[in-house]
N, C-alpha and C. Protein backbone atom coordinates (compact mmCIF):
# COMPACT_ATOMS: atom_id res chain seq x y z
N MET A 1 435.87 152.91 43.86
CA MET A 1 434.97 151.98 43.21
C MET A 1 434.29 152.67 42.04
N SER A 2 434.24 152.03 40.93
CA SER A 2 433.63 152.58 39.72
C SER A 2 432.10 152.53 39.82
N ILE A 3 431.45 153.49 39.20
CA ILE A 3 429.99 153.46 39.11
C ILE A 3 429.54 152.30 38.23
N ALA A 4 430.40 151.87 37.32
CA ALA A 4 430.08 150.75 36.43
C ALA A 4 430.51 149.44 37.10
N THR A 5 429.64 148.91 37.95
CA THR A 5 429.95 147.69 38.69
C THR A 5 429.73 146.43 37.86
N LYS A 6 428.93 146.55 36.82
CA LYS A 6 428.58 145.44 35.92
C LYS A 6 427.71 144.39 36.59
N THR A 7 427.29 144.63 37.83
CA THR A 7 426.45 143.65 38.53
C THR A 7 425.02 143.63 37.98
N GLY A 8 424.64 144.63 37.23
CA GLY A 8 423.29 144.67 36.66
C GLY A 8 423.22 144.18 35.23
N ASP A 9 424.32 143.69 34.70
CA ASP A 9 424.34 143.28 33.31
C ASP A 9 423.37 142.15 32.99
N ALA A 10 423.00 141.36 33.97
CA ALA A 10 422.10 140.23 33.74
C ALA A 10 420.64 140.57 34.06
N GLY A 11 420.35 141.87 34.26
CA GLY A 11 418.96 142.27 34.47
C GLY A 11 418.51 142.32 35.91
N THR A 12 419.46 142.34 36.84
CA THR A 12 419.10 142.49 38.25
C THR A 12 419.76 143.74 38.81
N THR A 13 419.25 144.17 39.95
CA THR A 13 419.80 145.33 40.62
C THR A 13 419.69 145.10 42.12
N SER A 14 420.34 145.95 42.89
CA SER A 14 420.30 145.80 44.34
C SER A 14 419.36 146.81 44.97
N LEU A 15 418.56 146.33 45.89
CA LEU A 15 417.85 147.20 46.81
C LEU A 15 418.82 147.51 47.94
N LEU A 16 418.38 148.28 48.92
CA LEU A 16 419.23 148.49 50.09
C LEU A 16 419.49 147.15 50.77
N PHE A 17 420.58 147.06 51.47
CA PHE A 17 420.99 145.86 52.18
C PHE A 17 421.30 144.71 51.22
N ASN A 18 421.71 145.08 49.98
CA ASN A 18 422.22 144.15 48.97
C ASN A 18 421.26 143.04 48.57
N ARG A 19 419.99 143.28 48.64
CA ARG A 19 419.02 142.28 48.20
C ARG A 19 418.84 142.45 46.69
N ARG A 20 419.17 141.39 45.93
CA ARG A 20 419.09 141.44 44.47
C ARG A 20 417.66 141.15 44.01
N VAL A 21 417.21 141.96 43.06
CA VAL A 21 415.88 141.78 42.46
C VAL A 21 415.98 142.08 40.97
N SER A 22 414.96 141.66 40.24
CA SER A 22 414.89 141.96 38.81
C SER A 22 414.73 143.47 38.61
N LYS A 23 415.30 143.96 37.55
CA LYS A 23 415.14 145.39 37.24
C LYS A 23 413.69 145.73 36.90
N SER A 24 412.86 144.72 36.64
CA SER A 24 411.44 144.97 36.38
C SER A 24 410.59 144.78 37.64
N ASP A 25 411.22 144.55 38.78
CA ASP A 25 410.50 144.40 40.05
C ASP A 25 409.67 145.65 40.32
N PRO A 26 408.44 145.49 40.80
CA PRO A 26 407.59 146.66 41.09
C PRO A 26 408.23 147.66 42.05
N ARG A 27 409.05 147.20 42.97
CA ARG A 27 409.74 148.11 43.90
C ARG A 27 410.75 148.97 43.13
N VAL A 28 411.43 148.37 42.18
CA VAL A 28 412.39 149.12 41.35
C VAL A 28 411.64 150.11 40.47
N GLU A 29 410.48 149.70 39.95
CA GLU A 29 409.63 150.61 39.17
C GLU A 29 409.23 151.82 39.99
N ALA A 30 408.83 151.60 41.24
CA ALA A 30 408.42 152.71 42.12
C ALA A 30 409.60 153.63 42.40
N CYS A 31 410.75 153.04 42.72
CA CYS A 31 411.95 153.87 42.97
C CYS A 31 412.32 154.68 41.73
N GLY A 32 412.23 154.04 40.57
CA GLY A 32 412.56 154.74 39.33
C GLY A 32 411.61 155.89 39.05
N ALA A 33 410.33 155.70 39.33
CA ALA A 33 409.36 156.78 39.12
C ALA A 33 409.62 157.94 40.06
N VAL A 34 409.99 157.66 41.30
CA VAL A 34 410.30 158.74 42.24
C VAL A 34 411.61 159.41 41.86
N ASP A 35 412.58 158.66 41.36
CA ASP A 35 413.83 159.24 40.89
C ASP A 35 413.57 160.18 39.71
N GLU A 36 412.72 159.74 38.79
CA GLU A 36 412.35 160.58 37.65
C GLU A 36 411.63 161.84 38.12
N LEU A 37 410.77 161.70 39.12
CA LEU A 37 410.08 162.85 39.70
C LEU A 37 411.10 163.83 40.29
N ASN A 38 412.08 163.31 40.99
CA ASN A 38 413.11 164.16 41.58
C ASN A 38 413.85 164.94 40.48
N CYS A 39 414.15 164.27 39.38
CA CYS A 39 414.83 164.95 38.27
C CYS A 39 413.93 166.01 37.63
N ALA A 40 412.65 165.70 37.48
CA ALA A 40 411.71 166.67 36.90
C ALA A 40 411.59 167.90 37.79
N ILE A 41 411.56 167.70 39.09
CA ILE A 41 411.53 168.84 40.00
C ILE A 41 412.85 169.60 39.94
N GLY A 42 413.94 168.90 39.75
CA GLY A 42 415.23 169.57 39.58
C GLY A 42 415.24 170.47 38.36
N LEU A 43 414.62 170.02 37.28
CA LEU A 43 414.51 170.85 36.08
C LEU A 43 413.69 172.10 36.38
N ALA A 44 412.58 171.92 37.09
CA ALA A 44 411.75 173.08 37.46
C ALA A 44 412.53 174.02 38.37
N ARG A 45 413.27 173.46 39.32
CA ARG A 45 414.06 174.29 40.24
C ARG A 45 415.11 175.10 39.47
N ALA A 46 415.72 174.47 38.48
CA ALA A 46 416.74 175.17 37.68
C ALA A 46 416.13 176.30 36.86
N SER A 47 414.83 176.21 36.57
CA SER A 47 414.14 177.23 35.79
C SER A 47 413.53 178.32 36.67
N GLN A 48 413.50 178.09 37.96
CA GLN A 48 412.83 178.99 38.91
C GLN A 48 413.75 180.15 39.30
N SER A 49 413.27 181.38 39.16
CA SER A 49 414.09 182.54 39.51
C SER A 49 413.86 183.00 40.95
N ASP A 50 412.74 182.64 41.55
CA ASP A 50 412.42 183.05 42.92
C ASP A 50 413.22 182.18 43.91
N PRO A 51 414.13 182.79 44.68
CA PRO A 51 414.98 182.00 45.59
C PRO A 51 414.18 181.19 46.62
N ARG A 52 413.07 181.74 47.09
CA ARG A 52 412.27 181.02 48.08
C ARG A 52 411.63 179.79 47.46
N ARG A 53 411.13 179.92 46.25
CA ARG A 53 410.55 178.76 45.56
C ARG A 53 411.62 177.72 45.24
N ARG A 54 412.81 178.20 44.86
CA ARG A 54 413.92 177.26 44.60
C ARG A 54 414.23 176.46 45.86
N GLU A 55 414.24 177.13 46.99
CA GLU A 55 414.52 176.46 48.26
C GLU A 55 413.41 175.45 48.59
N GLN A 56 412.16 175.81 48.34
CA GLN A 56 411.06 174.88 48.59
C GLN A 56 411.18 173.64 47.70
N LEU A 57 411.50 173.85 46.44
CA LEU A 57 411.65 172.72 45.53
C LEU A 57 412.84 171.84 45.94
N GLU A 58 413.92 172.45 46.39
CA GLU A 58 415.06 171.67 46.85
C GLU A 58 414.69 170.84 48.08
N GLY A 59 413.93 171.40 48.98
CA GLY A 59 413.46 170.65 50.15
C GLY A 59 412.62 169.44 49.74
N ILE A 60 411.77 169.64 48.74
CA ILE A 60 410.96 168.53 48.23
C ILE A 60 411.87 167.46 47.64
N GLN A 61 412.90 167.86 46.91
CA GLN A 61 413.83 166.89 46.34
C GLN A 61 414.51 166.08 47.44
N LYS A 62 414.87 166.72 48.52
CA LYS A 62 415.50 166.00 49.64
C LYS A 62 414.51 165.02 50.26
N ASP A 63 413.25 165.41 50.36
CA ASP A 63 412.22 164.49 50.85
C ASP A 63 412.13 163.27 49.94
N LEU A 64 412.21 163.50 48.64
CA LEU A 64 412.09 162.39 47.70
C LEU A 64 413.27 161.43 47.80
N ILE A 65 414.44 161.94 48.13
CA ILE A 65 415.60 161.06 48.35
C ILE A 65 415.32 160.15 49.55
N SER A 66 414.77 160.72 50.61
CA SER A 66 414.38 159.90 51.77
C SER A 66 413.35 158.85 51.35
N LEU A 67 412.39 159.27 50.57
CA LEU A 67 411.35 158.35 50.12
C LEU A 67 411.96 157.21 49.31
N MET A 68 412.92 157.51 48.45
CA MET A 68 413.55 156.45 47.66
C MET A 68 414.23 155.43 48.56
N GLY A 69 414.82 155.88 49.66
CA GLY A 69 415.42 154.94 50.60
C GLY A 69 414.38 154.00 51.18
N GLU A 70 413.23 154.55 51.54
CA GLU A 70 412.15 153.71 52.06
C GLU A 70 411.71 152.70 51.02
N LEU A 71 411.53 153.17 49.79
CA LEU A 71 411.04 152.29 48.73
C LEU A 71 412.06 151.24 48.33
N ALA A 72 413.34 151.55 48.46
CA ALA A 72 414.40 150.63 48.05
C ALA A 72 414.71 149.59 49.11
N THR A 73 413.85 149.49 50.11
CA THR A 73 414.04 148.51 51.18
C THR A 73 412.95 147.46 51.09
N ALA A 74 413.36 146.22 50.91
CA ALA A 74 412.40 145.11 50.87
C ALA A 74 411.71 145.00 52.23
N ASP A 75 410.50 144.47 52.21
CA ASP A 75 409.73 144.36 53.45
C ASP A 75 410.50 143.62 54.54
N GLU A 76 411.19 142.55 54.17
CA GLU A 76 411.92 141.76 55.16
C GLU A 76 413.13 142.51 55.73
N ASP A 77 413.58 143.57 55.05
CA ASP A 77 414.70 144.37 55.54
C ASP A 77 414.26 145.64 56.26
N TRP A 78 412.95 145.84 56.36
CA TRP A 78 412.44 147.06 56.98
C TRP A 78 412.95 147.26 58.41
N PRO A 79 413.02 146.21 59.24
CA PRO A 79 413.58 146.42 60.59
C PRO A 79 415.03 146.93 60.55
N LYS A 80 415.82 146.46 59.60
CA LYS A 80 417.20 146.95 59.46
C LYS A 80 417.20 148.43 59.09
N TYR A 81 416.32 148.79 58.17
CA TYR A 81 416.23 150.19 57.74
C TYR A 81 415.89 151.08 58.93
N ALA A 82 414.88 150.67 59.69
CA ALA A 82 414.46 151.44 60.85
C ALA A 82 415.58 151.54 61.89
N ALA A 83 416.31 150.43 62.09
CA ALA A 83 417.40 150.42 63.08
C ALA A 83 418.55 151.34 62.68
N CYS A 84 418.73 151.54 61.38
CA CYS A 84 419.82 152.41 60.90
C CYS A 84 419.51 153.89 61.11
N GLY A 85 418.27 154.21 61.39
CA GLY A 85 417.89 155.61 61.61
C GLY A 85 417.81 156.45 60.36
N PHE A 86 417.64 155.80 59.22
CA PHE A 86 417.50 156.56 57.98
C PHE A 86 416.26 157.44 58.06
N PRO A 87 416.26 158.59 57.37
CA PRO A 87 415.08 159.47 57.42
C PRO A 87 413.89 158.83 56.74
N ARG A 88 412.71 159.14 57.28
CA ARG A 88 411.45 158.66 56.72
C ARG A 88 410.53 159.86 56.55
N LEU A 89 409.62 159.75 55.61
CA LEU A 89 408.62 160.80 55.47
C LEU A 89 407.69 160.75 56.68
N THR A 90 407.35 161.93 57.19
CA THR A 90 406.48 162.04 58.35
C THR A 90 405.36 163.03 58.03
N PRO A 91 404.37 163.12 58.90
CA PRO A 91 403.33 164.13 58.69
C PRO A 91 403.89 165.55 58.58
N ALA A 92 405.03 165.82 59.21
CA ALA A 92 405.64 167.15 59.11
C ALA A 92 406.02 167.48 57.67
N ASN A 93 406.49 166.49 56.92
CA ASN A 93 406.83 166.71 55.51
C ASN A 93 405.58 167.08 54.71
N THR A 94 404.50 166.36 54.97
CA THR A 94 403.24 166.64 54.26
C THR A 94 402.68 167.99 54.68
N ARG A 95 402.83 168.35 55.95
CA ARG A 95 402.34 169.66 56.41
C ARG A 95 403.02 170.80 55.67
N LEU A 96 404.31 170.65 55.34
CA LEU A 96 404.99 171.70 54.57
C LEU A 96 404.33 171.87 53.20
N LEU A 97 403.91 170.78 52.60
CA LEU A 97 403.19 170.88 51.33
C LEU A 97 401.82 171.49 51.52
N ASP A 98 401.15 171.12 52.60
CA ASP A 98 399.85 171.73 52.91
C ASP A 98 399.99 173.24 53.08
N ASP A 99 401.06 173.65 53.76
CA ASP A 99 401.31 175.08 53.96
C ASP A 99 401.54 175.78 52.62
N LEU A 100 402.28 175.15 51.74
CA LEU A 100 402.54 175.71 50.42
C LEU A 100 401.23 175.86 49.64
N VAL A 101 400.40 174.83 49.67
CA VAL A 101 399.11 174.88 48.98
C VAL A 101 398.26 176.02 49.54
N ARG A 102 398.18 176.13 50.87
CA ARG A 102 397.39 177.20 51.50
C ARG A 102 397.93 178.58 51.12
N GLU A 103 399.24 178.71 51.12
CA GLU A 103 399.86 180.00 50.76
C GLU A 103 399.46 180.42 49.35
N ILE A 104 399.56 179.51 48.40
CA ILE A 104 399.24 179.84 47.02
C ILE A 104 397.75 180.12 46.87
N GLU A 105 396.92 179.29 47.47
CA GLU A 105 395.48 179.49 47.35
C GLU A 105 395.03 180.79 48.02
N SER A 106 395.73 181.22 49.06
CA SER A 106 395.36 182.46 49.74
C SER A 106 395.65 183.70 48.89
N GLN A 107 396.42 183.54 47.84
CA GLN A 107 396.76 184.66 46.97
C GLN A 107 395.66 184.92 45.93
N GLY A 108 394.56 184.18 46.06
CA GLY A 108 393.43 184.42 45.16
C GLY A 108 393.57 183.80 43.79
N LEU A 109 394.41 182.82 43.66
CA LEU A 109 394.57 182.15 42.37
C LEU A 109 393.24 181.50 41.98
N THR A 110 392.76 181.83 40.82
CA THR A 110 391.54 181.21 40.32
C THR A 110 391.83 180.58 38.97
N PHE A 111 391.12 179.51 38.69
CA PHE A 111 391.34 178.83 37.43
C PHE A 111 390.09 178.06 37.08
N GLN A 112 389.72 178.08 35.81
CA GLN A 112 388.57 177.32 35.34
C GLN A 112 389.00 176.46 34.16
N GLY A 113 388.46 175.26 34.10
CA GLY A 113 388.76 174.38 32.98
C GLY A 113 390.08 173.67 33.16
N TRP A 114 390.53 173.05 32.10
CA TRP A 114 391.78 172.29 32.12
C TRP A 114 392.96 173.23 31.92
N ALA A 115 394.05 172.90 32.54
CA ALA A 115 395.29 173.64 32.31
C ALA A 115 395.91 173.15 31.01
N LEU A 116 396.48 174.07 30.28
CA LEU A 116 397.18 173.72 29.05
C LEU A 116 398.67 173.90 29.32
N PRO A 117 399.39 172.81 29.61
CA PRO A 117 400.81 172.93 29.95
C PRO A 117 401.60 173.60 28.82
N GLY A 118 402.60 174.37 29.22
CA GLY A 118 403.49 174.97 28.24
C GLY A 118 403.40 176.48 28.14
N GLY A 119 402.76 177.11 29.12
CA GLY A 119 402.66 178.57 29.09
C GLY A 119 404.01 179.24 29.09
N ASN A 120 404.96 178.63 29.73
CA ASN A 120 406.36 179.08 29.74
C ASN A 120 407.19 177.90 30.22
N PRO A 121 408.52 177.96 30.08
CA PRO A 121 409.34 176.80 30.45
C PRO A 121 409.19 176.35 31.90
N LEU A 122 409.08 177.28 32.84
CA LEU A 122 408.93 176.89 34.25
C LEU A 122 407.60 176.17 34.47
N ALA A 123 406.51 176.74 33.98
CA ALA A 123 405.20 176.10 34.16
C ALA A 123 405.17 174.73 33.50
N ALA A 124 405.78 174.60 32.33
CA ALA A 124 405.82 173.31 31.65
C ALA A 124 406.61 172.29 32.46
N ALA A 125 407.73 172.72 33.04
CA ALA A 125 408.53 171.81 33.87
C ALA A 125 407.75 171.38 35.11
N LEU A 126 407.03 172.30 35.72
CA LEU A 126 406.24 171.97 36.90
C LEU A 126 405.09 171.03 36.55
N ASP A 127 404.44 171.26 35.39
CA ASP A 127 403.38 170.35 34.97
C ASP A 127 403.94 168.97 34.63
N MET A 128 405.11 168.92 34.04
CA MET A 128 405.73 167.62 33.76
C MET A 128 406.02 166.91 35.08
N ALA A 129 406.55 167.64 36.05
CA ALA A 129 406.81 167.05 37.37
C ALA A 129 405.52 166.53 38.00
N ARG A 130 404.43 167.28 37.84
CA ARG A 130 403.14 166.85 38.41
C ARG A 130 402.68 165.53 37.81
N THR A 131 402.80 165.38 36.49
CA THR A 131 402.34 164.14 35.87
C THR A 131 403.24 162.97 36.27
N VAL A 132 404.53 163.22 36.39
CA VAL A 132 405.44 162.18 36.86
C VAL A 132 405.11 161.81 38.31
N CYS A 133 404.73 162.81 39.10
CA CYS A 133 404.34 162.57 40.49
C CYS A 133 403.13 161.64 40.55
N ARG A 134 402.16 161.87 39.70
CA ARG A 134 400.97 161.01 39.69
C ARG A 134 401.35 159.57 39.33
N ARG A 135 402.26 159.41 38.38
CA ARG A 135 402.70 158.06 38.01
C ARG A 135 403.45 157.42 39.18
N ALA A 136 404.31 158.19 39.83
CA ALA A 136 405.03 157.67 40.99
C ALA A 136 404.05 157.23 42.07
N GLU A 137 403.02 158.02 42.28
CA GLU A 137 402.01 157.68 43.28
C GLU A 137 401.35 156.34 42.93
N ARG A 138 401.04 156.12 41.67
CA ARG A 138 400.43 154.85 41.26
C ARG A 138 401.40 153.68 41.47
N ARG A 139 402.67 153.89 41.14
CA ARG A 139 403.67 152.82 41.30
C ARG A 139 403.88 152.49 42.78
N VAL A 140 403.89 153.51 43.61
CA VAL A 140 404.07 153.28 45.05
C VAL A 140 402.85 152.56 45.61
N TYR A 141 401.67 152.96 45.19
CA TYR A 141 400.47 152.28 45.66
C TYR A 141 400.51 150.80 45.26
N ALA A 142 401.02 150.52 44.08
CA ALA A 142 401.08 149.14 43.60
C ALA A 142 401.94 148.26 44.51
N ILE A 143 402.95 148.82 45.13
CA ILE A 143 403.79 147.99 46.02
C ILE A 143 403.34 148.06 47.47
N GLN A 144 402.62 149.13 47.84
CA GLN A 144 402.22 149.26 49.24
C GLN A 144 400.78 148.87 49.47
N GLY A 145 399.92 149.07 48.49
CA GLY A 145 398.54 148.67 48.60
C GLY A 145 397.80 149.33 49.75
N ALA A 146 396.80 148.65 50.23
CA ALA A 146 395.93 149.20 51.25
C ALA A 146 396.57 149.22 52.64
N GLU A 147 397.68 148.51 52.82
CA GLU A 147 398.33 148.46 54.13
C GLU A 147 399.80 148.87 54.01
N PRO A 148 400.05 150.15 53.75
CA PRO A 148 401.44 150.59 53.59
C PRO A 148 402.19 150.58 54.92
N ARG A 149 403.49 150.33 54.85
CA ARG A 149 404.28 150.36 56.09
C ARG A 149 404.49 151.79 56.55
N ASN A 150 404.43 152.76 55.64
CA ASN A 150 404.46 154.17 56.02
C ASN A 150 403.34 154.88 55.25
N PRO A 151 402.16 155.01 55.87
CA PRO A 151 401.03 155.61 55.17
C PRO A 151 401.28 157.04 54.72
N GLU A 152 402.26 157.71 55.30
CA GLU A 152 402.53 159.10 54.94
C GLU A 152 403.04 159.23 53.52
N VAL A 153 403.63 158.18 52.99
CA VAL A 153 404.20 158.23 51.64
C VAL A 153 403.14 158.59 50.60
N LEU A 154 402.01 157.91 50.63
CA LEU A 154 400.97 158.18 49.64
C LEU A 154 400.34 159.55 49.87
N CYS A 155 400.17 159.95 51.13
CA CYS A 155 399.65 161.29 51.42
C CYS A 155 400.59 162.35 50.84
N TYR A 156 401.88 162.15 51.05
CA TYR A 156 402.88 163.11 50.59
C TYR A 156 402.83 163.25 49.06
N LEU A 157 402.84 162.13 48.36
CA LEU A 157 402.84 162.19 46.90
C LEU A 157 401.55 162.82 46.37
N ASN A 158 400.43 162.51 47.00
CA ASN A 158 399.16 163.10 46.57
C ASN A 158 399.19 164.61 46.76
N ARG A 159 399.67 165.05 47.90
CA ARG A 159 399.73 166.49 48.18
C ARG A 159 400.76 167.17 47.28
N LEU A 160 401.85 166.48 47.00
CA LEU A 160 402.88 167.06 46.14
C LEU A 160 402.32 167.34 44.75
N SER A 161 401.53 166.44 44.21
CA SER A 161 400.99 166.70 42.87
C SER A 161 400.07 167.92 42.88
N ASP A 162 399.31 168.11 43.97
CA ASP A 162 398.48 169.31 44.09
C ASP A 162 399.35 170.57 44.13
N ALA A 163 400.41 170.52 44.93
CA ALA A 163 401.29 171.68 45.05
C ALA A 163 401.97 172.00 43.72
N LEU A 164 402.39 170.97 43.00
CA LEU A 164 403.04 171.21 41.70
C LEU A 164 402.05 171.83 40.71
N TRP A 165 400.80 171.38 40.74
CA TRP A 165 399.78 171.97 39.84
C TRP A 165 399.64 173.46 40.16
N LEU A 166 399.52 173.79 41.44
CA LEU A 166 399.37 175.19 41.82
C LEU A 166 400.61 176.01 41.46
N LEU A 167 401.79 175.46 41.70
CA LEU A 167 403.02 176.18 41.35
C LEU A 167 403.08 176.46 39.84
N ALA A 168 402.62 175.51 39.04
CA ALA A 168 402.60 175.72 37.60
C ALA A 168 401.65 176.84 37.22
N ARG A 169 400.48 176.91 37.87
CA ARG A 169 399.53 177.97 37.57
C ARG A 169 400.11 179.33 37.98
N VAL A 170 400.79 179.39 39.12
CA VAL A 170 401.43 180.64 39.55
C VAL A 170 402.50 181.04 38.54
N ALA A 171 403.25 180.07 38.04
CA ALA A 171 404.32 180.37 37.08
C ALA A 171 403.76 180.93 35.78
N GLU A 172 402.52 180.63 35.47
CA GLU A 172 401.91 181.13 34.23
C GLU A 172 401.38 182.55 34.36
N LYS A 173 401.20 183.01 35.60
CA LYS A 173 400.67 184.36 35.80
C LYS A 173 401.68 185.40 35.34
N PRO A 174 401.21 186.45 34.67
CA PRO A 174 402.14 187.50 34.28
C PRO A 174 402.73 188.19 35.53
N ALA A 175 403.97 188.58 35.44
CA ALA A 175 404.65 189.21 36.58
C ALA A 175 404.09 190.56 36.92
């Protein structure tokens, strides 16, 4: 099957379970923002020389793929999604980010004032990922609101932006 299905030529796309929606649907916007975030983190991972940090960033990317599956499921199809056993973000995913934040902060990183992105290519990529993360968080909130079906999603994205900010500051430190 070709990637060029032509089914989107009229301005619609498929969510999971073949539910057609407009390409401007807020759910598609949220998925797109998380996809962009995943790519931005991929750019940072490609710039990262520390194998452990590369592995952490890859784990985050895999979490974001799971998140996109959750977001790409219409509310009425949520029982089908759950029945299929697809991965979902859990508090364990967020705890890994909390651990990363604690690890970096325990190294005595101090910072005053605003960060100026662009200290080096890795820090710039991480700061770009952080800003995309914040946008993704806003888009996800717009579709989930005050009663999300998986409250961990917003916690995860919020913590991820904190972790990306810290990783960018670490990347700016001289070796």
